[in-house]
């Protein structure tokens, strides 16, 4: 599965929720993640609604 890397500009409450909403809006599922105060990596699966 692909990993999506997000650079964290400002850590704040609700940041992970907002990122998973973006991933869900693309038609993907965030199945797991890892991160710190500088970056978050989300394991994303599913069929993307985004055309290239």
PDB file of N, CA and C in Angstrom:
ATOM      1  N   UNK A   1       0.836  -1.183   0.000  1.00  0.00           N
ATOM      2  CA  UNK A   1       0.000   0.000   0.000  1.00  0.00           C
ATOM      3  C   UNK A   1       0.881   1.247   0.000  1.00  0.00           C
ATOM      4  N   UNK A   2       0.411   2.306  -0.614  1.00  0.00           N
ATOM      5  CA  UNK A   2       1.215   3.545  -0.635  1.00  0.00           C
ATOM      6  C   UNK A   2       1.182   4.261   0.703  1.00  0.00           C
ATOM      7  N   UNK A   3       2.257   4.936   0.989  1.00  0.00           N
ATOM      8  CA  UNK A   3       2.329   5.789   2.171  1.00  0.00           C
ATOM      9  C   UNK A   3       2.248   7.232   1.721  1.00  0.00           C
ATOM     10  N   UNK A   4       1.473   8.041   2.412  1.00  0.00           N
ATOM     11  CA  UNK A   4       1.377   9.471   2.143  1.00  0.00           C
ATOM     12  C   UNK A   4       2.119  10.212   3.244  1.00  0.00           C
ATOM     13  N   UNK A   5       3.001  11.111   2.870  1.00  0.00           N
ATOM     14  CA  UNK A   5       3.804  11.864   3.834  1.00  0.00           C
ATOM     15  C   UNK A   5       3.310  13.297   3.876  1.00  0.00           C
ATOM     16  N   UNK A   6       2.987  13.773   5.057  1.00  0.00           N
ATOM     17  CA  UNK A   6       2.553  15.151   5.272  1.00  0.00           C
ATOM     18  C   UNK A   6       3.566  15.852   6.150  1.00  0.00           C
ATOM     19  N   UNK A   7       3.995  17.008   5.729  1.00  0.00           N
ATOM     20  CA  UNK A   7       4.887  17.825   6.558  1.00  0.00           C
ATOM     21  C   UNK A   7       4.014  18.624   7.524  1.00  0.00           C
ATOM     22  N   UNK A   8       4.337  18.549   8.793  1.00  0.00           N
ATOM     23  CA  UNK A   8       3.569  19.254   9.818  1.00  0.00           C
ATOM     24  C   UNK A   8       4.184  20.634  10.004  1.00  0.00           C
ATOM     25  N   UNK A   9       3.414  21.659   9.665  1.00  0.00           N
ATOM     26  CA  UNK A   9       3.881  23.031   9.835  1.00  0.00           C
ATOM     27  C   UNK A   9       3.641  23.487  11.266  1.00  0.00           C
ATOM     28  N   UNK A  10       2.468  23.136  11.797  1.00  0.00           N
ATOM     29  CA  UNK A  10       2.125  23.509  13.168  1.00  0.00           C
ATOM     30  C   UNK A  10       1.297  22.384  13.768  1.00  0.00           C
ATOM     31  N   UNK A  11       1.838  21.731  14.773  1.00  0.00           N
ATOM     32  CA  UNK A  11       1.109  20.674  15.463  1.00  0.00           C
ATOM     33  C   UNK A  11      -0.032  21.313  16.242  1.00  0.00           C
ATOM     34  N   UNK A  12      -1.224  20.718  16.141  1.00  0.00           N
ATOM     35  CA  UNK A  12      -2.395  21.267  16.829  1.00  0.00           C
ATOM     36  C   UNK A  12      -3.429  20.164  17.036  1.00  0.00           C
ATOM     37  N   UNK A  13      -4.330  20.358  17.981  1.00  0.00           N
ATOM     38  CA  UNK A  13      -5.402  19.382  18.169  1.00  0.00           C
ATOM     39  C   UNK A  13      -6.262  19.288  16.902  1.00  0.00           C
ATOM     40  N   UNK A  14      -6.607  18.074  16.508  1.00  0.00           N
ATOM     41  CA  UNK A  14      -7.450  17.858  15.334  1.00  0.00           C
ATOM     42  C   UNK A  14      -6.685  17.708  14.031  1.00  0.00           C
ATOM     43  N   UNK A  15      -5.361  17.815  14.066  1.00  0.00           N
ATOM     44  CA  UNK A  15      -4.564  17.720  12.842  1.00  0.00           C
ATOM     45  C   UNK A  15      -4.722  16.355  12.176  1.00  0.00           C
ATOM     46  N   UNK A  16      -4.626  15.280  12.938  1.00  0.00           N
ATOM     47  CA  UNK A  16      -4.755  13.943  12.364  1.00  0.00           C
ATOM     48  C   UNK A  16      -6.156  13.752  11.779  1.00  0.00           C
ATOM     49  N   UNK A  17      -7.168  14.224  12.454  1.00  0.00           N
ATOM     50  CA  UNK A  17      -8.539  14.148  11.933  1.00  0.00           C
ATOM     51  C   UNK A  17      -8.645  14.869  10.592  1.00  0.00           C
ATOM     52  N   UNK A  18      -8.076  16.065  10.512  1.00  0.00           N
ATOM     53  CA  UNK A  18      -8.131  16.830   9.266  1.00  0.00           C
ATOM     54  C   UNK A  18      -7.417  16.106   8.125  1.00  0.00           C
ATOM     55  N   UNK A  19      -6.277  15.501   8.416  1.00  0.00           N
ATOM     56  CA  UNK A  19      -5.552  14.765   7.384  1.00  0.00           C
ATOM     57  C   UNK A  19      -6.324  13.547   6.911  1.00  0.00           C
ATOM     58  N   UNK A  20      -6.963  12.826   7.830  1.00  0.00           N
ATOM     59  CA  UNK A  20      -7.726  11.656   7.421  1.00  0.00           C
ATOM     60  C   UNK A  20      -8.967  12.064   6.637  1.00  0.00           C
ATOM     61  N   UNK A  21      -9.536  13.245   6.895  1.00  0.00           N
ATOM     62  CA  UNK A  21     -10.645  13.744   6.083  1.00  0.00           C
ATOM     63  C   UNK A  21     -10.192  14.019   4.651  1.00  0.00           C
ATOM     64  N   UNK A  22      -8.984  14.560   4.491  1.00  0.00           N
ATOM     65  CA  UNK A  22      -8.435  14.804   3.153  1.00  0.00           C
ATOM     66  C   UNK A  22      -8.229  13.475   2.428  1.00  0.00           C
ATOM     67  N   UNK A  23      -7.637  12.509   3.116  1.00  0.00           N
ATOM     68  CA  UNK A  23      -7.397  11.196   2.521  1.00  0.00           C
ATOM     69  C   UNK A  23      -8.735  10.552   2.150  1.00  0.00           C
ATOM     70  N   UNK A  24      -9.721  10.631   3.027  1.00  0.00           N
ATOM     71  CA  UNK A  24     -11.047  10.082   2.739  1.00  0.00           C
ATOM     72  C   UNK A  24     -11.716  10.789   1.571  1.00  0.00           C
ATOM     73  N   UNK A  25     -11.495  12.087   1.452  1.00  0.00           N
ATOM     74  CA  UNK A  25     -12.036  12.846   0.327  1.00  0.00           C
ATOM     75  C   UNK A  25     -11.454  12.414  -1.005  1.00  0.00           C
ATOM     76  N   UNK A  26     -10.288  11.817  -0.977  1.00  0.00           N
ATOM     77  CA  UNK A  26      -9.656  11.288  -2.187  1.00  0.00           C
ATOM     78  C   UNK A  26     -10.125   9.873  -2.501  1.00  0.00           C
ATOM     79  N   UNK A  27     -10.996   9.337  -1.651  1.00  0.00           N
ATOM     80  CA  UNK A  27     -11.494   7.988  -1.859  1.00  0.00           C
ATOM     81  C   UNK A  27     -10.582   6.914  -1.314  1.00  0.00           C
ATOM     82  N   UNK A  28      -9.678   7.280  -0.411  1.00  0.00           N
ATOM     83  CA  UNK A  28      -8.739   6.332   0.180  1.00  0.00           C
ATOM     84  C   UNK A  28      -9.063   6.130   1.649  1.00  0.00           C
ATOM     85  N   UNK A  29      -8.564   5.036   2.206  1.00  0.00           N
ATOM     86  CA  UNK A  29      -8.690   4.754   3.634  1.00  0.00           C
ATOM     87  C   UNK A  29      -7.317   4.862   4.277  1.00  0.00           C
ATOM     88  N   UNK A  30      -7.225   5.608   5.367  1.00  0.00           N
ATOM     89  CA  UNK A  30      -5.988   5.658   6.150  1.00  0.00           C
ATOM     90  C   UNK A  30      -6.029   4.477   7.103  1.00  0.00           C
ATOM     91  N   UNK A  31      -5.204   3.460   6.838  1.00  0.00           N
ATOM     92  CA  UNK A  31      -5.267   2.231   7.624  1.00  0.00           C
ATOM     93  C   UNK A  31      -4.324   2.223   8.819  1.00  0.00           C
ATOM     94  N   UNK A  32      -3.260   3.004   8.753  1.00  0.00           N
ATOM     95  CA  UNK A  32      -2.345   3.126   9.887  1.00  0.00           C
ATOM     96  C   UNK A  32      -1.488   4.362   9.667  1.00  0.00           C
ATOM     97  N   UNK A  33      -0.772   4.747  10.698  1.00  0.00           N
ATOM     98  CA  UNK A  33       0.065   5.926  10.570  1.00  0.00           C
ATOM     99  C   UNK A  33       1.166   5.962  11.601  1.00  0.00           C
ATOM    100  N   UNK A  34       2.128   6.817  11.330  1.00  0.00           N
ATOM    101  CA  UNK A  34       3.245   7.026  12.235  1.00  0.00           C
ATOM    102  C   UNK A  34       3.669   8.480  12.076  1.00  0.00           C
ATOM    103  N   UNK A  35       4.137   9.084  13.146  1.00  0.00           N
ATOM    104  CA  UNK A  35       4.551  10.465  12.995  1.00  0.00           C
ATOM    105  C   UNK A  35       5.148  11.063  14.246  1.00  0.00           C
ATOM    106  N   UNK A  36       5.548  12.308  14.095  1.00  0.00           N
ATOM    107  CA  UNK A  36       6.062  13.092  15.203  1.00  0.00           C
ATOM    108  C   UNK A  36       5.606  14.534  14.992  1.00  0.00           C
ATOM    109  N   UNK A  37       6.242  15.488  15.630  1.00  0.00           N
ATOM    110  CA  UNK A  37       5.802  16.880  15.516  1.00  0.00           C
ATOM    111  C   UNK A  37       6.222  17.537  14.207  1.00  0.00           C
ATOM    112  N   UNK A  38       6.998  16.844  13.373  1.00  0.00           N
ATOM    113  CA  UNK A  38       7.443  17.415  12.097  1.00  0.00           C
ATOM    114  C   UNK A  38       6.804  16.780  10.875  1.00  0.00           C
ATOM    115  N   UNK A  39       6.385  15.522  10.966  1.00  0.00           N
ATOM    116  CA  UNK A  39       5.807  14.841   9.803  1.00  0.00           C
ATOM    117  C   UNK A  39       4.913  13.688  10.250  1.00  0.00           C
ATOM    118  N   UNK A  40       3.939  13.380   9.410  1.00  0.00           N
ATOM    119  CA  UNK A  40       3.053  12.246   9.638  1.00  0.00           C
ATOM    120  C   UNK A  40       3.021  11.434   8.348  1.00  0.00           C
ATOM    121  N   UNK A  41       3.173  10.121   8.477  1.00  0.00           N
ATOM    122  CA  UNK A  41       3.033   9.222   7.331  1.00  0.00           C
ATOM    123  C   UNK A  41       1.796   8.370   7.557  1.00  0.00           C
ATOM    124  N   UNK A  42       0.909   8.346   6.558  1.00  0.00           N
ATOM    125  CA  UNK A  42      -0.304   7.544   6.634  1.00  0.00           C
ATOM    126  C   UNK A  42      -0.243   6.449   5.583  1.00  0.00           C
ATOM    127  N   UNK A  43      -0.574   5.225   5.999  1.00  0.00           N
ATOM    128  CA  UNK A  43      -0.691   4.111   5.074  1.00  0.00           C
ATOM    129  C   UNK A  43      -2.087   4.213   4.472  1.00  0.00           C
ATOM    130  N   UNK A  44      -2.182   4.385   3.161  1.00  0.00           N
ATOM    131  CA  UNK A  44      -3.464   4.616   2.506  1.00  0.00           C
ATOM    132  C   UNK A  44      -3.762   3.507   1.528  1.00  0.00           C
ATOM    133  N   UNK A  45      -5.008   3.042   1.536  1.00  0.00           N
ATOM    134  CA  UNK A  45      -5.427   2.002   0.613  1.00  0.00           C
ATOM    135  C   UNK A  45      -6.783   2.328   0.027  1.00  0.00           C
ATOM    136  N   UNK A  46      -7.136   1.622  -1.036  1.00  0.00           N
ATOM    137  CA  UNK A  46      -8.410   1.834  -1.692  1.00  0.00           C
ATOM    138  C   UNK A  46      -8.207   2.391  -3.075  1.00  0.00           C
ATOM    139  N   UNK A  47      -9.303   2.693  -3.720  1.00  0.00           N
ATOM    140  CA  UNK A  47      -9.270   3.254  -5.077  1.00  0.00           C
ATOM    141  C   UNK A  47      -9.445   4.753  -5.002  1.00  0.00           C
ATOM    142  N   UNK A  48      -8.491   5.487  -5.505  1.00  0.00           N
ATOM    143  CA  UNK A  48      -8.541   6.953  -5.481  1.00  0.00           C
ATOM    144  C   UNK A  48      -9.539   7.470  -6.504  1.00  0.00           C
ATOM    145  N   UNK A  49     -10.260   8.537  -6.133  1.00  0.00           N
ATOM    146  CA  UNK A  49     -11.180   9.212  -7.045  1.00  0.00           C
ATOM    147  C   UNK A  49     -10.471  10.280  -7.873  1.00  0.00           C
ATOM    148  N   UNK A  50      -9.192  10.469  -7.638  1.00  0.00           N
ATOM    149  CA  UNK A  50      -8.434  11.524  -8.312  1.00  0.00           C
ATOM    150  C   UNK A  50      -7.942  11.001  -9.656  1.00  0.00           C
ATOM    151  N   UNK A  51      -8.206  11.756 -10.721  1.00  0.00           N
ATOM    152  CA  UNK A  51      -7.679  11.381 -12.033  1.00  0.00           C
ATOM    153  C   UNK A  51      -6.365  12.091 -12.271  1.00  0.00           C
ATOM    154  N   UNK A  52      -5.461  11.440 -12.974  1.00  0.00           N
ATOM    155  CA  UNK A  52      -4.135  12.004 -13.222  1.00  0.00           C
ATOM    156  C   UNK A  52      -4.119  12.751 -14.512  1.00  0.00           C
TER     157      UNK A  52
END
